[in-house]
Amino acid sequence: MQFTSLAFAVFLPIVFLIYWAVPNKYRAFFLLLVSYGFYMTFSAGYVLLLFAMSLLSYFIGLHCSKKSFIAGVMIQVGALAFFKYAGFLPGVSDSFIIPVGISFYLFKSISYMADVYKGKLLPEKEPVTFFLYLAFFPDIVSGPINRAETLIPQFKEEKTFDYERGVYGMRLILLGLFKKLLIADTLSRYVDPVFETPGSYMGISYFVAAVFYTIEIYCDFSGYSDMAVGIAGLFGIRSMENFKNPYLSSNIREFWERWHISLSGWLKDYIYIPLGGSRKGKVRTYLNLMITFLISGIWHGANLTFLVWGALHGIYQVVYRFYKKHCKWKMPKILGVILTFSFVSLAWIFFRADSIQDALYMIRYMGYNLSPLLAYHKMGMIRQDFYLIAGSVAFLCLIDILSLKMDVIKAVDRLKAPVRWSAYLLLAALIMAFHLHNGVSQQFIYFQF
């Protein structure tokens, strides 16, 4: 049951009304039942795996020792490796299904066990609260990877409905739908054919597809995160921000401070720093950066394309650190933004391509013919979509730029009620119209990870 489905549009209001109607002491249990029910709509059988991993980390937290912690991490990393990579082994059926959200709830579990083991966090004794922490339905499928120290206490709070937070959440949901259904799904109609059959295209078509995919994956994933944060807000839960205008970053380090923030923070705290971080000299720092980003690449899948994507970002980080330390010339910010966007887009080609050969082919022939008209006709773009993409991306850029100075979602309060509601209705109508125009909504990209 995707956030963009009609079923979810019926499911969410019912859950919302019941949640605020039941007494506070039963709300966590109710949300747990709802979360397990929601998860079962994706893979009913794998709910047993979620329960087993939750039970394991719950008891390790209560009786945490060095041996139990290491055993717990090994079991969960082993389970993650098996389910993510077993489908690539010879003789394994092509119908092998990766449990939805397994990376995200196991990362939450590992961070919980690590924090308890290190003494940063007291073990959670209430099983309902802990199980809800791992299964909370807004973020179980694709994050954000909320930490136990911020999420668990909120499930125990006495809550009354906060109208302003509810309105803020609904606006985030609407923004997420705009990003996903208007921009990402429209762009995917032109991106997918080029990456799936690159030999059928030429020249600037590869450049356009690369830029389109750079925008698509941002709108797809940040759209999901906006909706997840907004949905959590409807239940009085503050979920962490997962994206913060990443394509306005002036360097690659800043990009990773703004892109998939919950994963970046997780990798930093539980991979990079335990490896030694930047505490053991320049060479070791560079090595730790490379290892961390290679792990990030491997986490996305067993295809070598993900490994190259991770390696490229590791190299970017090393080069930037070297430049920062040894070069006195200060790059103009606008140039930094353009270069960062370009290098990130280049890496996305490997991320999206089916093989390294396809990615290299696209890069090699990207400048073969730079006629925009050729790309327009070769990619089969219709005028309606061209104007939609241009207008929607321009509007999103404006929102991101304004977000550097203010909370744009909150600033909507300054508009008069008739203007505000007219904007809501217009945006909702556009979302519905182009959702029907694009056909069935595409699955969120990060569901496969």
Protein backbone atom coordinates (compact mmCIF):
# COMPACT_ATOMS: atom_id res chain seq x y z
CA MET A 1 0.00 0.00 0.00
CA GLN A 2 1.97 2.96 -1.29
CA PHE A 3 1.50 6.47 0.07
CA THR A 4 0.29 7.49 -3.39
CA SER A 5 -2.41 4.79 -3.64
CA LEU A 6 -6.16 5.23 -3.30
CA ALA A 7 -6.14 2.55 -0.59
CA PHE A 8 -3.77 4.65 1.52
CA ALA A 9 -5.95 7.74 0.98
CA VAL A 10 -8.75 5.77 2.68
CA PHE A 11 -6.51 4.08 5.26
CA LEU A 12 -4.83 7.20 6.65
CA PRO A 13 -7.93 9.24 7.68
CA ILE A 14 -9.47 6.19 9.38
CA VAL A 15 -6.30 5.48 11.35
CA PHE A 16 -5.95 9.18 12.20
CA LEU A 17 -9.50 9.44 13.60
CA ILE A 18 -9.27 6.24 15.64
CA TYR A 19 -5.82 7.16 17.00
CA TRP A 20 -7.01 10.45 18.45
CA ALA A 21 -10.26 8.87 19.71
CA VAL A 22 -8.66 6.10 21.81
CA PRO A 23 -7.21 6.87 25.27
CA ASN A 24 -3.55 7.90 25.27
CA LYS A 25 -2.35 4.73 27.07
CA TYR A 26 -3.60 2.55 24.18
CA ARG A 27 -2.30 4.65 21.29
CA ALA A 28 1.14 3.06 21.03
CA PHE A 29 -0.43 -0.41 20.91
CA PHE A 30 -2.93 0.76 18.31
CA LEU A 31 -0.15 2.25 16.16
CA LEU A 32 1.81 -1.00 16.46
CA LEU A 33 -1.15 -3.02 15.16
CA VAL A 34 -1.65 -0.51 12.36
CA SER A 35 2.04 -0.56 11.46
CA TYR A 36 2.14 -4.35 11.25
CA GLY A 37 -1.04 -4.34 9.19
CA PHE A 38 0.43 -1.70 6.87
CA TYR A 39 3.63 -3.72 6.48
CA MET A 40 1.68 -6.87 5.65
CA THR A 41 0.18 -5.17 2.59
CA PHE A 42 3.66 -5.32 1.03
CA SER A 43 4.86 -8.75 2.14
CA ALA A 44 2.63 -10.59 4.60
CA GLY A 45 5.07 -13.45 5.21
CA TYR A 46 8.02 -11.17 5.97
CA VAL A 47 6.20 -9.61 8.90
CA LEU A 48 7.53 -12.63 10.82
CA LEU A 49 11.07 -11.52 9.99
CA LEU A 50 10.30 -8.02 11.27
CA PHE A 51 8.90 -9.51 14.47
CA ALA A 52 11.89 -11.84 14.93
CA MET A 53 14.46 -9.08 14.42
CA SER A 54 12.53 -6.80 16.77
CA LEU A 55 12.43 -9.54 19.42
CA LEU A 56 16.16 -10.19 19.02
CA SER A 57 17.22 -6.55 19.40
CA TYR A 58 14.74 -6.02 22.25
CA PHE A 59 16.28 -8.79 24.37
CA ILE A 60 19.85 -7.85 23.42
CA GLY A 61 19.07 -4.34 24.59
CA LEU A 62 17.85 -5.66 27.94
CA HIS A 63 20.85 -7.95 28.42
CA CYS A 64 23.51 -6.15 26.44
CA SER A 65 27.10 -7.39 26.63
CA LYS A 66 29.96 -7.37 24.19
CA LYS A 67 29.20 -10.91 23.06
CA SER A 68 25.46 -10.38 22.70
CA PHE A 69 25.96 -7.09 20.88
CA ILE A 70 28.41 -8.60 18.37
CA ALA A 71 26.15 -11.63 17.89
CA GLY A 72 23.11 -9.42 17.34
CA VAL A 73 24.89 -7.24 14.78
CA MET A 74 26.25 -10.29 12.96
CA ILE A 75 22.81 -11.90 12.78
CA GLN A 76 21.16 -8.75 11.50
CA VAL A 77 23.90 -7.87 9.01
CA GLY A 78 23.82 -11.51 7.87
CA ALA A 79 20.06 -11.36 7.38
CA LEU A 80 20.40 -8.09 5.48
CA ALA A 81 23.15 -9.52 3.25
CA PHE A 82 21.18 -12.70 2.57
CA PHE A 83 17.94 -11.02 1.58
CA LYS A 84 19.60 -8.27 -0.45
CA TYR A 85 22.06 -10.46 -2.34
CA ALA A 86 20.71 -14.04 -2.39
CA GLY A 87 18.71 -13.24 -5.52
CA PHE A 88 21.98 -12.73 -7.37
CA LEU A 89 23.33 -16.20 -6.56
CA PRO A 90 23.24 -18.94 -9.24
CA GLY A 91 20.25 -21.23 -8.92
CA VAL A 92 18.20 -18.80 -6.85
CA SER A 93 14.81 -18.10 -8.33
CA ASP A 94 14.24 -14.82 -10.14
CA SER A 95 11.06 -14.48 -8.08
CA PHE A 96 13.09 -13.94 -4.90
CA ILE A 97 11.53 -10.97 -3.12
CA ILE A 98 13.54 -8.62 -0.91
CA PRO A 99 11.53 -7.75 2.23
CA VAL A 100 10.33 -4.18 1.92
CA GLY A 101 12.09 -1.82 4.31
CA ILE A 102 14.51 -4.41 5.71
CA SER A 103 17.51 -2.07 5.39
CA PHE A 104 15.77 0.72 7.22
CA TYR A 105 14.39 -1.17 10.20
CA LEU A 106 17.61 -3.18 10.64
CA PHE A 107 19.68 0.02 10.57
CA LYS A 108 17.42 1.40 13.30
CA SER A 109 17.86 -1.82 15.26
CA ILE A 110 21.66 -1.85 14.92
CA SER A 111 21.95 1.78 15.99
CA TYR A 112 19.75 1.04 19.03
CA MET A 113 21.88 -1.93 20.11
CA ALA A 114 25.09 0.06 19.55
CA ASP A 115 23.85 3.01 21.59
CA VAL A 116 22.74 0.76 24.45
CA TYR A 117 26.05 -1.12 24.37
CA LYS A 118 28.04 2.13 24.48
CA GLY A 119 25.93 3.44 27.36
CA LYS A 120 24.48 6.31 25.31
CA LEU A 121 20.95 4.97 25.69
CA LEU A 122 19.07 3.09 28.39
CA PRO A 123 17.44 -0.13 27.18
CA GLU A 124 13.74 0.14 26.42
CA LYS A 125 11.81 -2.20 28.74
CA GLU A 126 8.34 -1.71 27.28
CA PRO A 127 8.05 -4.17 24.34
CA VAL A 128 5.14 -2.40 22.63
CA THR A 129 7.06 0.87 22.51
CA PHE A 130 10.22 -0.77 21.22
CA PHE A 131 8.45 -2.86 18.58
CA LEU A 132 6.64 0.28 17.43
CA TYR A 133 9.98 2.09 17.13
CA LEU A 134 11.13 -0.41 14.49
CA ALA A 135 7.75 -0.84 12.77
CA PHE A 136 6.33 2.72 12.80
CA PHE A 137 4.51 2.74 9.49
CA PRO A 138 5.41 6.20 8.12
CA ASP A 139 9.15 5.41 8.06
CA ILE A 140 9.43 1.60 7.93
CA VAL A 141 9.56 1.33 4.15
CA SER A 142 12.12 4.00 3.18
CA GLY A 143 13.02 5.98 6.26
CA PRO A 144 13.93 8.43 7.61
CA ILE A 145 16.15 6.29 9.86
CA ASN A 146 15.00 7.88 13.10
CA ARG A 147 17.09 7.24 16.20
CA ALA A 148 15.63 5.53 19.26
CA GLU A 149 16.59 8.44 21.53
CA THR A 150 14.27 10.80 19.65
CA LEU A 151 11.44 8.50 18.56
CA ILE A 152 10.81 6.21 21.54
CA PRO A 153 10.16 9.01 24.12
CA GLN A 154 7.56 10.50 21.78
CA PHE A 155 5.52 7.28 21.82
CA LYS A 156 5.24 7.64 25.61
CA GLU A 157 4.21 11.30 25.73
CA GLU A 158 0.74 12.39 26.74
CA LYS A 159 -0.59 13.96 23.57
CA THR A 160 -3.41 16.23 22.58
CA PHE A 161 -4.02 16.98 18.94
CA ASP A 162 -1.97 19.95 17.73
CA TYR A 163 -3.89 21.61 14.90
CA GLU A 164 -0.90 23.57 13.64
CA ARG A 165 1.30 20.48 13.50
CA GLY A 166 -1.50 18.62 11.72
CA VAL A 167 -1.82 21.36 9.10
CA TYR A 168 1.95 21.45 8.68
CA GLY A 169 1.92 17.68 8.15
CA MET A 170 -0.81 17.88 5.52
CA ARG A 171 1.14 20.52 3.62
CA LEU A 172 4.21 18.28 3.65
CA ILE A 173 2.11 15.40 2.32
CA LEU A 174 0.81 17.62 -0.48
CA LEU A 175 4.35 18.76 -1.32
CA GLY A 176 5.51 15.14 -1.36
CA LEU A 177 2.71 14.16 -3.73
CA PHE A 178 3.64 17.09 -5.98
CA LYS A 179 7.27 15.97 -6.12
CA LYS A 180 6.43 12.31 -6.70
CA LEU A 181 3.39 12.32 -8.98
CA LEU A 182 3.93 15.49 -10.99
CA ILE A 183 7.71 15.58 -11.37
CA ALA A 184 9.29 12.19 -10.62
CA ASP A 185 6.70 10.02 -12.37
CA THR A 186 6.59 12.33 -15.39
CA LEU A 187 10.38 12.32 -15.70
CA SER A 188 10.51 8.53 -15.38
CA ARG A 189 8.59 8.23 -18.67
CA TYR A 190 11.62 9.67 -20.45
CA VAL A 191 14.40 8.41 -18.21
CA ASP A 192 13.52 4.70 -18.13
CA PRO A 193 13.61 3.99 -21.89
CA VAL A 194 17.03 5.65 -22.31
CA PHE A 195 18.65 3.75 -19.43
CA GLU A 196 16.97 0.45 -20.35
CA THR A 197 17.98 0.56 -24.03
CA PRO A 198 20.84 3.07 -24.30
CA GLY A 199 21.86 1.83 -27.75
CA SER A 200 18.59 3.16 -29.18
CA TYR A 201 19.48 6.76 -28.38
CA MET A 202 22.35 9.15 -29.00
CA GLY A 203 24.11 12.32 -27.97
CA ILE A 204 22.20 14.84 -25.97
CA SER A 205 19.50 12.28 -25.15
CA TYR A 206 21.98 10.76 -22.67
CA PHE A 207 22.70 14.17 -21.17
CA VAL A 208 18.99 14.95 -20.82
CA ALA A 209 18.27 11.51 -19.32
CA ALA A 210 21.10 11.96 -16.78
CA VAL A 211 19.84 15.38 -15.68
CA PHE A 212 16.25 14.16 -15.63
CA TYR A 213 17.21 11.20 -13.45
CA THR A 214 19.14 13.49 -11.09
CA ILE A 215 15.92 15.46 -10.61
CA GLU A 216 13.71 12.36 -10.61
CA ILE A 217 15.49 10.53 -7.79
CA TYR A 218 15.52 13.69 -5.68
CA CYS A 219 11.81 14.34 -6.19
CA ASP A 220 10.96 10.66 -5.72
CA PHE A 221 12.93 10.12 -2.52
CA SER A 222 12.51 13.55 -0.92
CA GLY A 223 8.82 13.36 -1.88
CA TYR A 224 8.52 10.11 0.05
CA SER A 225 10.41 11.61 3.00
CA ASP A 226 8.18 14.71 3.02
CA MET A 227 5.13 12.47 3.15
CA ALA A 228 6.64 10.26 5.87
CA VAL A 229 7.46 13.28 8.05
CA GLY A 230 4.04 14.80 7.36
CA ILE A 231 2.18 11.58 8.20
CA ALA A 232 4.13 11.17 11.44
CA GLY A 233 3.18 14.75 12.32
CA LEU A 234 -0.51 13.88 12.06
CA PHE A 235 0.03 11.53 15.01
CA GLY A 236 1.99 14.08 17.03
CA ILE A 237 5.37 12.53 16.17
CA ARG A 238 8.34 14.67 15.14
CA SER A 239 10.31 12.77 12.51
CA MET A 240 13.74 13.96 11.40
CA GLU A 241 14.26 15.98 8.23
CA ASN A 242 15.83 13.78 5.55
CA PHE A 243 16.59 16.28 2.77
CA LYS A 244 17.64 19.91 2.90
CA ASN A 245 18.04 21.42 -0.58
CA PRO A 246 20.93 19.08 -1.55
CA TYR A 247 21.29 20.36 -5.12
CA LEU A 248 22.04 23.84 -3.82
CA SER A 249 25.18 22.51 -2.11
CA SER A 250 28.41 24.28 -3.08
CA ASN A 251 30.63 21.25 -2.40
CA ILE A 252 30.33 17.49 -2.15
CA ARG A 253 30.72 17.40 1.62
CA GLU A 254 27.83 19.81 2.01
CA PHE A 255 25.81 17.68 -0.43
CA TRP A 256 26.05 14.66 1.88
CA GLU A 257 25.04 16.83 4.82
CA ARG A 258 21.85 17.64 2.93
CA TRP A 259 21.08 14.40 1.02
CA HIS A 260 19.45 11.42 2.81
CA ILE A 261 20.52 13.00 6.07
CA SER A 262 19.42 10.09 8.26
CA LEU A 263 21.54 7.59 6.29
CA SER A 264 24.52 9.96 6.07
CA GLY A 265 24.39 10.44 9.84
CA TRP A 266 24.05 6.70 10.40
CA LEU A 267 27.08 5.91 8.22
CA LYS A 268 29.09 8.61 9.97
CA ASP A 269 28.22 7.49 13.51
CA TYR A 270 28.30 3.71 13.05
CA ILE A 271 30.84 3.18 10.24
CA TYR A 272 33.12 6.19 9.68
CA ILE A 273 33.80 7.17 13.31
CA PRO A 274 34.29 3.58 14.58
CA LEU A 275 36.84 3.13 11.75
CA GLY A 276 38.76 6.05 13.23
CA GLY A 277 37.15 8.96 11.41
CA SER A 278 39.64 11.75 10.88
CA ARG A 279 41.52 11.08 14.12
CA LYS A 280 44.35 8.89 12.76
CA GLY A 281 46.03 11.00 10.13
CA LYS A 282 45.39 12.11 6.57
CA VAL A 283 45.88 8.79 4.78
CA ARG A 284 43.71 6.91 7.27
CA THR A 285 41.01 9.59 6.95
CA TYR A 286 40.94 9.15 3.18
CA LEU A 287 40.81 5.38 3.55
CA ASN A 288 37.95 5.60 6.06
CA LEU A 289 36.00 7.86 3.70
CA MET A 290 36.47 5.40 0.83
CA ILE A 291 35.41 2.43 2.97
CA THR A 292 32.32 4.26 4.23
CA PHE A 293 31.15 5.22 0.75
CA LEU A 294 31.91 1.79 -0.67
CA ILE A 295 29.73 0.32 2.08
CA SER A 296 27.05 2.83 1.12
CA GLY A 297 27.30 1.60 -2.47
CA ILE A 298 27.15 -2.07 -1.47
CA TRP A 299 24.15 -1.34 0.75
CA HIS A 300 22.18 -0.22 -2.31
CA GLY A 301 22.61 -3.57 -4.06
CA ALA A 302 24.92 -6.27 -5.41
CA ASN A 303 25.26 -4.74 -8.88
CA LEU A 304 28.75 -3.36 -9.57
CA THR A 305 27.13 -0.10 -10.70
CA PHE A 306 26.30 0.72 -7.07
CA LEU A 307 29.86 -0.04 -6.04
CA VAL A 308 31.16 2.39 -8.69
CA TRP A 309 28.65 4.99 -7.53
CA GLY A 310 29.89 4.63 -3.95
CA ALA A 311 33.53 4.69 -5.08
CA LEU A 312 32.96 7.88 -7.07
CA HIS A 313 31.48 9.63 -4.04
CA GLY A 314 34.36 8.39 -1.91
CA ILE A 315 36.82 9.82 -4.45
CA TYR A 316 34.86 13.08 -4.54
CA GLN A 317 35.16 13.36 -0.75
CA VAL A 318 38.90 12.63 -0.78
CA VAL A 319 39.57 15.14 -3.58
CA TYR A 320 37.49 17.81 -1.85
CA ARG A 321 39.31 17.32 1.46
CA PHE A 322 42.66 17.53 -0.33
CA TYR A 323 41.56 20.67 -2.19
CA LYS A 324 40.23 22.25 1.00
CA LYS A 325 43.48 21.63 2.83
CA HIS A 326 46.00 22.55 0.14
CA CYS A 327 44.32 25.03 -2.23
CA LYS A 328 44.07 28.66 -1.14
CA TRP A 329 41.80 29.74 -3.99
CA LYS A 330 38.22 30.14 -2.81
CA MET A 331 35.78 28.91 -5.42
CA PRO A 332 32.74 31.17 -6.11
CA LYS A 333 29.64 29.61 -4.60
CA ILE A 334 27.67 29.48 -7.85
CA LEU A 335 30.54 27.65 -9.55
CA GLY A 336 30.68 25.24 -6.61
CA VAL A 337 26.95 24.53 -6.94
CA ILE A 338 27.28 23.86 -10.69
CA LEU A 339 30.30 21.59 -10.28
CA THR A 340 28.74 19.67 -7.37
CA PHE A 341 25.52 19.15 -9.32
CA SER A 342 27.53 17.98 -12.35
CA PHE A 343 29.64 15.47 -10.41
CA VAL A 344 26.59 14.14 -8.56
CA SER A 345 24.73 13.75 -11.87
CA LEU A 346 27.66 11.85 -13.34
CA ALA A 347 27.60 9.41 -10.43
CA TRP A 348 23.81 8.95 -10.78
CA ILE A 349 24.38 7.55 -14.29
CA PHE A 350 26.15 4.54 -12.77
CA PHE A 351 23.53 4.31 -10.02
CA ARG A 352 20.67 4.07 -12.55
CA ALA A 353 22.34 2.10 -15.37
CA ASP A 354 21.81 -1.65 -15.62
CA SER A 355 25.54 -2.25 -16.13
CA ILE A 356 28.86 -0.43 -16.04
CA GLN A 357 29.09 -0.93 -19.81
CA ASP A 358 25.79 0.89 -20.34
CA ALA A 359 26.88 3.76 -18.10
CA LEU A 360 30.23 4.14 -19.90
CA TYR A 361 28.49 3.97 -23.28
CA MET A 362 26.18 6.81 -22.32
CA ILE A 363 29.03 8.93 -20.99
CA ARG A 364 31.20 8.23 -24.03
CA TYR A 365 28.56 9.29 -26.56
CA MET A 366 26.93 12.04 -24.51
CA GLY A 367 28.49 14.78 -26.63
CA TYR A 368 27.99 13.03 -29.99
CA ASN A 369 25.09 15.23 -31.11
CA LEU A 370 24.03 18.19 -28.97
CA SER A 371 20.87 19.20 -30.83
CA PRO A 372 18.05 19.80 -28.30
CA LEU A 373 15.53 19.15 -31.08
CA LEU A 374 17.03 15.70 -31.61
CA ALA A 375 16.59 14.81 -27.94
CA TYR A 376 13.05 16.21 -27.94
CA HIS A 377 12.00 13.99 -30.85
CA LYS A 378 14.19 10.97 -30.07
CA MET A 379 12.87 10.74 -26.51
CA GLY A 380 9.30 11.17 -27.72
CA MET A 381 8.60 14.10 -25.46
CA ILE A 382 5.18 15.69 -25.80
CA ARG A 383 4.71 19.44 -25.44
CA GLN A 384 2.39 19.05 -22.46
CA ASP A 385 5.06 17.19 -20.49
CA PHE A 386 7.77 19.63 -21.53
CA TYR A 387 5.84 22.57 -20.07
CA LEU A 388 4.88 20.54 -16.98
CA ILE A 389 8.48 19.54 -16.28
CA ALA A 390 9.84 23.04 -16.87
CA GLY A 391 7.19 24.73 -14.74
CA SER A 392 7.24 22.17 -11.92
CA VAL A 393 11.03 22.10 -11.64
CA ALA A 394 11.16 25.91 -11.67
CA PHE A 395 8.55 26.01 -8.89
CA LEU A 396 10.50 23.41 -6.88
CA CYS A 397 13.73 25.37 -7.34
CA LEU A 398 11.98 28.46 -6.01
CA ILE A 399 10.78 26.53 -2.95
CA ASP A 400 14.29 25.16 -2.30
CA ILE A 401 15.91 28.58 -2.68
CA LEU A 402 13.37 30.21 -0.36
CA SER A 403 13.88 27.35 2.11
CA LEU A 404 17.44 28.54 2.65
CA LYS A 405 16.04 31.64 4.34
CA MET A 406 12.74 30.52 5.86
CA ASP A 407 10.41 27.64 6.61
CA VAL A 408 8.34 27.79 3.40
CA ILE A 409 5.73 25.33 4.67
CA LYS A 410 5.12 27.46 7.75
CA ALA A 411 5.20 30.68 5.71
CA VAL A 412 2.02 29.58 3.90
CA ASP A 413 0.19 30.74 7.06
CA ARG A 414 0.84 34.33 5.96
CA LEU A 415 -1.43 33.91 2.93
CA LYS A 416 -5.07 34.83 3.30
CA ALA A 417 -7.42 31.87 3.66
CA PRO A 418 -9.04 32.18 0.17
CA VAL A 419 -5.60 32.34 -1.49
CA ARG A 420 -4.29 29.49 0.63
CA TRP A 421 -7.20 27.17 -0.12
CA SER A 422 -7.19 28.08 -3.79
CA ALA A 423 -3.52 27.06 -3.92
CA TYR A 424 -4.30 23.76 -2.14
CA LEU A 425 -7.13 22.93 -4.54
CA LEU A 426 -5.14 23.91 -7.62
CA LEU A 427 -2.15 21.81 -6.59
CA ALA A 428 -4.38 18.85 -5.68
CA ALA A 429 -6.17 19.11 -9.05
CA LEU A 430 -2.84 19.19 -10.92
CA ILE A 431 -1.58 16.18 -8.97
CA MET A 432 -4.73 14.18 -9.75
CA ALA A 433 -4.77 15.21 -13.41
CA PHE A 434 -1.17 14.32 -14.11
CA HIS A 435 -1.36 11.18 -12.01
CA LEU A 436 -4.07 10.00 -14.39
CA HIS A 437 -2.04 11.28 -17.36
CA ASN A 438 1.03 9.28 -16.35
CA GLY A 439 -0.97 6.14 -15.69
CA VAL A 440 -0.23 3.92 -12.70
CA SER A 441 2.07 5.57 -10.18
CA GLN A 442 5.64 4.28 -10.25
CA GLN A 443 6.88 2.54 -7.12
CA PHE A 444 9.11 4.75 -4.99
CA ILE A 445 12.71 4.21 -6.11
CA TYR A 446 14.07 3.49 -2.64
CA PHE A 447 11.54 0.71 -1.99
CA GLN A 448 14.06 -1.64 -3.63
CA PHE A 449 16.76 -0.73 -1.09
